[in-house]
């Protein structure tokens, strides 16, 4: 998979097309991995999954309580 990056800023034309005000660069997934640092360990994945699930439960609980109060 390739990724497209802009060293300027992204803008949207009147016709809805995205445009780069700087220079476009393409990166492969291996290059992105090396730019972003090391891969996640399985322990980090499990921790993030738990945090996302907790956030989802909090948001769902808030919406359920909001509906019950009405």
PDB file of N, CA and C in Angstrom:
ATOM      1  N   UNK A   1       0.844  -1.162   0.000  1.00  0.00           N
ATOM      2  CA  UNK A   1       0.000   0.000   0.000  1.00  0.00           C
ATOM      3  C   UNK A   1       0.894   1.230   0.000  1.00  0.00           C
ATOM      4  N   UNK A   2       0.524   2.204  -0.787  1.00  0.00           N
ATOM      5  CA  UNK A   2       1.276   3.453  -0.850  1.00  0.00           C
ATOM      6  C   UNK A   2       0.491   4.575  -0.174  1.00  0.00           C
ATOM      7  N   UNK A   3       1.214   5.516   0.375  1.00  0.00           N
ATOM      8  CA  UNK A   3       0.623   6.668   1.047  1.00  0.00           C
ATOM      9  C   UNK A   3       1.085   7.932   0.346  1.00  0.00           C
ATOM     10  N   UNK A   4       0.215   8.911   0.287  1.00  0.00           N
ATOM     11  CA  UNK A   4       0.515  10.185  -0.352  1.00  0.00           C
ATOM     12  C   UNK A   4       0.637  11.250   0.724  1.00  0.00           C
ATOM     13  N   UNK A   5       1.725  11.994   0.694  1.00  0.00           N
ATOM     14  CA  UNK A   5       1.970  13.034   1.682  1.00  0.00           C
ATOM     15  C   UNK A   5       2.232  14.356   0.979  1.00  0.00           C
ATOM     16  N   UNK A   6       1.932  15.430   1.672  1.00  0.00           N
ATOM     17  CA  UNK A   6       2.131  16.775   1.142  1.00  0.00           C
ATOM     18  C   UNK A   6       3.002  17.540   2.137  1.00  0.00           C
ATOM     19  N   UNK A   7       4.071  18.182   1.658  1.00  0.00           N
ATOM     20  CA  UNK A   7       4.910  18.944   2.577  1.00  0.00           C
ATOM     21  C   UNK A   7       4.375  20.357   2.788  1.00  0.00           C
ATOM     22  N   UNK A   8       3.306  20.721   2.124  1.00  0.00           N
ATOM     23  CA  UNK A   8       2.607  21.991   2.347  1.00  0.00           C
ATOM     24  C   UNK A   8       1.326  21.715   3.111  1.00  0.00           C
ATOM     25  N   UNK A   9       0.259  22.311   2.672  1.00  0.00           N
ATOM     26  CA  UNK A   9      -1.032  22.033   3.298  1.00  0.00           C
ATOM     27  C   UNK A   9      -2.019  21.565   2.237  1.00  0.00           C
ATOM     28  N   UNK A  10      -2.970  20.759   2.673  1.00  0.00           N
ATOM     29  CA  UNK A  10      -4.002  20.255   1.779  1.00  0.00           C
ATOM     30  C   UNK A  10      -5.124  21.277   1.681  1.00  0.00           C
ATOM     31  N   UNK A  11      -5.631  21.494   0.485  1.00  0.00           N
ATOM     32  CA  UNK A  11      -6.775  22.375   0.273  1.00  0.00           C
ATOM     33  C   UNK A  11      -7.809  21.621  -0.554  1.00  0.00           C
ATOM     34  N   UNK A  12      -9.018  22.155  -0.593  1.00  0.00           N
ATOM     35  CA  UNK A  12     -10.090  21.565  -1.387  1.00  0.00           C
ATOM     36  C   UNK A  12     -10.519  22.579  -2.433  1.00  0.00           C
ATOM     37  N   UNK A  13     -10.489  22.170  -3.702  1.00  0.00           N
ATOM     38  CA  UNK A  13     -10.900  23.046  -4.801  1.00  0.00           C
ATOM     39  C   UNK A  13     -12.414  23.204  -4.811  1.00  0.00           C
ATOM     40  N   UNK A  14     -12.906  24.109  -5.655  1.00  0.00           N
ATOM     41  CA  UNK A  14     -14.337  24.354  -5.765  1.00  0.00           C
ATOM     42  C   UNK A  14     -15.087  23.107  -6.236  1.00  0.00           C
ATOM     43  N   UNK A  15     -14.427  22.261  -7.019  1.00  0.00           N
ATOM     44  CA  UNK A  15     -15.096  21.050  -7.496  1.00  0.00           C
ATOM     45  C   UNK A  15     -14.983  19.893  -6.505  1.00  0.00           C
ATOM     46  N   UNK A  16     -14.390  20.130  -5.338  1.00  0.00           N
ATOM     47  CA  UNK A  16     -14.303  19.121  -4.286  1.00  0.00           C
ATOM     48  C   UNK A  16     -13.048  18.274  -4.327  1.00  0.00           C
ATOM     49  N   UNK A  17     -12.146  18.537  -5.259  1.00  0.00           N
ATOM     50  CA  UNK A  17     -10.913  17.767  -5.362  1.00  0.00           C
ATOM     51  C   UNK A  17      -9.880  18.287  -4.369  1.00  0.00           C
ATOM     52  N   UNK A  18      -9.127  17.367  -3.776  1.00  0.00           N
ATOM     53  CA  UNK A  18      -8.067  17.751  -2.847  1.00  0.00           C
ATOM     54  C   UNK A  18      -6.836  18.186  -3.633  1.00  0.00           C
ATOM     55  N   UNK A  19      -6.151  19.206  -3.126  1.00  0.00           N
ATOM     56  CA  UNK A  19      -4.955  19.710  -3.791  1.00  0.00           C
ATOM     57  C   UNK A  19      -3.899  20.005  -2.734  1.00  0.00           C
ATOM     58  N   UNK A  20      -2.653  19.851  -3.115  1.00  0.00           N
ATOM     59  CA  UNK A  20      -1.521  20.108  -2.229  1.00  0.00           C
ATOM     60  C   UNK A  20      -0.876  21.428  -2.630  1.00  0.00           C
ATOM     61  N   UNK A  21      -0.626  22.296  -1.646  1.00  0.00           N
ATOM     62  CA  UNK A  21       0.014  23.572  -1.945  1.00  0.00           C
ATOM     63  C   UNK A  21       1.528  23.441  -2.008  1.00  0.00           C
ATOM     64  N   UNK A  22       2.061  22.297  -1.591  1.00  0.00           N
ATOM     65  CA  UNK A  22       3.507  22.066  -1.622  1.00  0.00           C
ATOM     66  C   UNK A  22       3.859  20.980  -2.613  1.00  0.00           C
ATOM     67  N   UNK A  23       4.791  20.139  -2.225  1.00  0.00           N
ATOM     68  CA  UNK A  23       5.241  19.039  -3.070  1.00  0.00           C
ATOM     69  C   UNK A  23       4.655  17.732  -2.569  1.00  0.00           C
ATOM     70  N   UNK A  24       4.160  16.909  -3.496  1.00  0.00           N
ATOM     71  CA  UNK A  24       3.622  15.603  -3.131  1.00  0.00           C
ATOM     72  C   UNK A  24       4.742  14.579  -3.022  1.00  0.00           C
ATOM     73  N   UNK A  25       4.626  13.684  -2.050  1.00  0.00           N
ATOM     74  CA  UNK A  25       5.578  12.600  -1.846  1.00  0.00           C
ATOM     75  C   UNK A  25       4.787  11.309  -1.691  1.00  0.00           C
ATOM     76  N   UNK A  26       5.311  10.217  -2.231  1.00  0.00           N
ATOM     77  CA  UNK A  26       4.688   8.919  -2.025  1.00  0.00           C
ATOM     78  C   UNK A  26       5.590   8.075  -1.138  1.00  0.00           C
ATOM     79  N   UNK A  27       4.963   7.317  -0.236  1.00  0.00           N
ATOM     80  CA  UNK A  27       5.675   6.444   0.684  1.00  0.00           C
ATOM     81  C   UNK A  27       5.038   5.064   0.644  1.00  0.00           C
ATOM     82  N   UNK A  28       5.861   4.047   0.730  1.00  0.00           N
ATOM     83  CA  UNK A  28       5.349   2.685   0.839  1.00  0.00           C
ATOM     84  C   UNK A  28       5.019   2.414   2.304  1.00  0.00           C
ATOM     85  N   UNK A  29       4.326   1.319   2.560  1.00  0.00           N
ATOM     86  CA  UNK A  29       3.984   0.998   3.945  1.00  0.00           C
ATOM     87  C   UNK A  29       5.239   0.721   4.770  1.00  0.00           C
ATOM     88  N   UNK A  30       6.272   0.161   4.155  1.00  0.00           N
ATOM     89  CA  UNK A  30       7.522  -0.079   4.885  1.00  0.00           C
ATOM     90  C   UNK A  30       8.196   1.237   5.266  1.00  0.00           C
ATOM     91  N   UNK A  31       8.167   2.209   4.350  1.00  0.00           N
ATOM     92  CA  UNK A  31       8.743   3.524   4.656  1.00  0.00           C
ATOM     93  C   UNK A  31       7.950   4.227   5.754  1.00  0.00           C
ATOM     94  N   UNK A  32       6.634   4.102   5.722  1.00  0.00           N
ATOM     95  CA  UNK A  32       5.802   4.717   6.760  1.00  0.00           C
ATOM     96  C   UNK A  32       6.100   4.085   8.120  1.00  0.00           C
ATOM     97  N   UNK A  33       6.274   2.778   8.118  1.00  0.00           N
ATOM     98  CA  UNK A  33       6.571   2.071   9.361  1.00  0.00           C
ATOM     99  C   UNK A  33       7.894   2.569   9.948  1.00  0.00           C
ATOM    100  N   UNK A  34       8.890   2.787   9.091  1.00  0.00           N
ATOM    101  CA  UNK A  34      10.178   3.266   9.587  1.00  0.00           C
ATOM    102  C   UNK A  34      10.090   4.735  10.016  1.00  0.00           C
ATOM    103  N   UNK A  35       9.235   5.528   9.353  1.00  0.00           N
ATOM    104  CA  UNK A  35       9.071   6.936   9.735  1.00  0.00           C
ATOM    105  C   UNK A  35       8.341   7.071  11.069  1.00  0.00           C
ATOM    106  N   UNK A  36       7.364   6.209  11.313  1.00  0.00           N
ATOM    107  CA  UNK A  36       6.540   6.322  12.512  1.00  0.00           C
ATOM    108  C   UNK A  36       7.136   5.618  13.720  1.00  0.00           C
ATOM    109  N   UNK A  37       8.157   4.849  13.528  1.00  0.00           N
ATOM    110  CA  UNK A  37       8.784   4.153  14.640  1.00  0.00           C
ATOM    111  C   UNK A  37       8.459   2.674  14.596  1.00  0.00           C
ATOM    112  N   UNK A  38       8.682   2.010  15.709  1.00  0.00           N
ATOM    113  CA  UNK A  38       8.528   0.561  15.755  1.00  0.00           C
ATOM    114  C   UNK A  38       7.058   0.157  15.745  1.00  0.00           C
ATOM    115  N   UNK A  39       6.826  -1.104  15.396  1.00  0.00           N
ATOM    116  CA  UNK A  39       5.482  -1.664  15.411  1.00  0.00           C
ATOM    117  C   UNK A  39       4.993  -1.806  16.843  1.00  0.00           C
ATOM    118  N   UNK A  40       3.686  -1.917  16.993  1.00  0.00           N
ATOM    119  CA  UNK A  40       3.111  -2.155  18.313  1.00  0.00           C
ATOM    120  C   UNK A  40       3.340  -3.599  18.722  1.00  0.00           C
ATOM    121  N   UNK A  41       3.574  -3.794  19.995  1.00  0.00           N
ATOM    122  CA  UNK A  41       3.660  -5.156  20.511  1.00  0.00           C
ATOM    123  C   UNK A  41       2.252  -5.649  20.786  1.00  0.00           C
ATOM    124  N   UNK A  42       2.107  -6.955  20.973  1.00  0.00           N
ATOM    125  CA  UNK A  42       0.777  -7.505  21.251  1.00  0.00           C
ATOM    126  C   UNK A  42       0.245  -7.002  22.585  1.00  0.00           C
ATOM    127  N   UNK A  43       1.126  -6.721  23.529  1.00  0.00           N
ATOM    128  CA  UNK A  43       0.682  -6.150  24.810  1.00  0.00           C
ATOM    129  C   UNK A  43       0.104  -4.752  24.604  1.00  0.00           C
ATOM    130  N   UNK A  44       0.740  -3.959  23.753  1.00  0.00           N
ATOM    131  CA  UNK A  44       0.230  -2.624  23.462  1.00  0.00           C
ATOM    132  C   UNK A  44      -1.097  -2.692  22.712  1.00  0.00           C
ATOM    133  N   UNK A  45      -1.220  -3.655  21.805  1.00  0.00           N
ATOM    134  CA  UNK A  45      -2.478  -3.829  21.077  1.00  0.00           C
ATOM    135  C   UNK A  45      -3.602  -4.175  22.050  1.00  0.00           C
ATOM    136  N   UNK A  46      -3.335  -5.085  22.969  1.00  0.00           N
ATOM    137  CA  UNK A  46      -4.348  -5.475  23.953  1.00  0.00           C
ATOM    138  C   UNK A  46      -4.724  -4.295  24.838  1.00  0.00           C
ATOM    139  N   UNK A  47      -3.747  -3.501  25.235  1.00  0.00           N
ATOM    140  CA  UNK A  47      -4.021  -2.332  26.070  1.00  0.00           C
ATOM    141  C   UNK A  47      -4.871  -1.310  25.318  1.00  0.00           C
ATOM    142  N   UNK A  48      -4.521  -1.036  24.074  1.00  0.00           N
ATOM    143  CA  UNK A  48      -5.298  -0.092  23.275  1.00  0.00           C
ATOM    144  C   UNK A  48      -6.712  -0.599  23.030  1.00  0.00           C
ATOM    145  N   UNK A  49      -6.837  -1.896  22.762  1.00  0.00           N
ATOM    146  CA  UNK A  49      -8.157  -2.475  22.535  1.00  0.00           C
ATOM    147  C   UNK A  49      -9.020  -2.307  23.784  1.00  0.00           C
ATOM    148  N   UNK A  50      -8.446  -2.536  24.951  1.00  0.00           N
ATOM    149  CA  UNK A  50      -9.178  -2.357  26.201  1.00  0.00           C
ATOM    150  C   UNK A  50      -9.601  -0.914  26.414  1.00  0.00           C
ATOM    151  N   UNK A  51      -8.719   0.019  26.087  1.00  0.00           N
ATOM    152  CA  UNK A  51      -9.047   1.438  26.250  1.00  0.00           C
ATOM    153  C   UNK A  51     -10.143   1.876  25.285  1.00  0.00           C
ATOM    154  N   UNK A  52     -10.080   1.400  24.049  1.00  0.00           N
ATOM    155  CA  UNK A  52     -11.114   1.749  23.063  1.00  0.00           C
ATOM    156  C   UNK A  52     -12.449   1.151  23.476  1.00  0.00           C
ATOM    157  N   UNK A  53     -12.446  -0.088  23.952  1.00  0.00           N
ATOM    158  CA  UNK A  53     -13.675  -0.722  24.402  1.00  0.00           C
ATOM    159  C   UNK A  53     -14.258   0.038  25.598  1.00  0.00           C
ATOM    160  N   UNK A  54     -13.407   0.457  26.512  1.00  0.00           N
ATOM    161  CA  UNK A  54     -13.872   1.242  27.652  1.00  0.00           C
ATOM    162  C   UNK A  54     -14.478   2.568  27.223  1.00  0.00           C
ATOM    163  N   UNK A  55     -13.843   3.235  26.265  1.00  0.00           N
ATOM    164  CA  UNK A  55     -14.378   4.497  25.755  1.00  0.00           C
ATOM    165  C   UNK A  55     -15.726   4.283  25.081  1.00  0.00           C
ATOM    166  N   UNK A  56     -15.852   3.193  24.312  1.00  0.00           N
ATOM    167  CA  UNK A  56     -17.120   2.869  23.667  1.00  0.00           C
ATOM    168  C   UNK A  56     -18.207   2.623  24.707  1.00  0.00           C
ATOM    169  N   UNK A  57     -17.879   1.892  25.769  1.00  0.00           N
ATOM    170  CA  UNK A  57     -18.861   1.611  26.827  1.00  0.00           C
ATOM    171  C   UNK A  57     -19.304   2.892  27.527  1.00  0.00           C
ATOM    172  N   UNK A  58     -18.375   3.785  27.782  1.00  0.00           N
ATOM    173  CA  UNK A  58     -18.725   5.059  28.422  1.00  0.00           C
ATOM    174  C   UNK A  58     -19.649   5.875  27.522  1.00  0.00           C
ATOM    175  N   UNK A  59     -19.315   5.961  26.225  1.00  0.00           N
ATOM    176  CA  UNK A  59     -20.147   6.723  25.296  1.00  0.00           C
ATOM    177  C   UNK A  59     -21.527   6.089  25.160  1.00  0.00           C
ATOM    178  N   UNK A  60     -21.598   4.755  25.065  1.00  0.00           N
ATOM    179  CA  UNK A  60     -22.883   4.067  24.955  1.00  0.00           C
ATOM    180  C   UNK A  60     -23.702   4.263  26.227  1.00  0.00           C
ATOM    181  N   UNK A  61     -23.056   4.165  27.370  1.00  0.00           N
ATOM    182  CA  UNK A  61     -23.755   4.378  28.641  1.00  0.00           C
ATOM    183  C   UNK A  61     -24.292   5.793  28.752  1.00  0.00           C
ATOM    184  N   UNK A  62     -23.513   6.767  28.322  1.00  0.00           N
ATOM    185  CA  UNK A  62     -23.968   8.152  28.354  1.00  0.00           C
ATOM    186  C   UNK A  62     -25.198   8.338  27.469  1.00  0.00           C
ATOM    187  N   UNK A  63     -25.161   7.781  26.257  1.00  0.00           N
ATOM    188  CA  UNK A  63     -26.308   7.914  25.350  1.00  0.00           C
ATOM    189  C   UNK A  63     -27.522   7.183  25.881  1.00  0.00           C
ATOM    190  N   UNK A  64     -27.335   6.033  26.515  1.00  0.00           N
ATOM    191  CA  UNK A  64     -28.466   5.292  27.096  1.00  0.00           C
ATOM    192  C   UNK A  64     -29.083   6.078  28.245  1.00  0.00           C
ATOM    193  N   UNK A  65     -28.240   6.654  29.111  1.00  0.00           N
ATOM    194  CA  UNK A  65     -28.764   7.471  30.216  1.00  0.00           C
ATOM    195  C   UNK A  65     -29.480   8.714  29.710  1.00  0.00           C
ATOM    196  N   UNK A  66     -28.944   9.313  28.672  1.00  0.00           N
ATOM    197  CA  UNK A  66     -29.569  10.501  28.100  1.00  0.00           C
ATOM    198  C   UNK A  66     -30.956  10.175  27.568  1.00  0.00           C
ATOM    199  N   UNK A  67     -31.092   9.005  26.941  1.00  0.00           N
ATOM    200  CA  UNK A  67     -32.388   8.587  26.417  1.00  0.00           C
ATOM    201  C   UNK A  67     -33.353   8.257  27.543  1.00  0.00           C
ATOM    202  N   UNK A  68     -32.874   7.656  28.641  1.00  0.00           N
ATOM    203  CA  UNK A  68     -33.737   7.320  29.763  1.00  0.00           C
ATOM    204  C   UNK A  68     -34.242   8.553  30.494  1.00  0.00           C
ATOM    205  N   UNK A  69     -33.417   9.586  30.542  1.00  0.00           N
ATOM    206  CA  UNK A  69     -33.802  10.810  31.254  1.00  0.00           C
ATOM    207  C   UNK A  69     -34.904  11.549  30.520  1.00  0.00           C
ATOM    208  N   UNK A  70     -34.938  11.461  29.184  1.00  0.00           N
ATOM    209  CA  UNK A  70     -35.959  12.167  28.405  1.00  0.00           C
ATOM    210  C   UNK A  70     -37.320  11.642  28.644  1.00  0.00           C
TER     211      UNK A  70
END
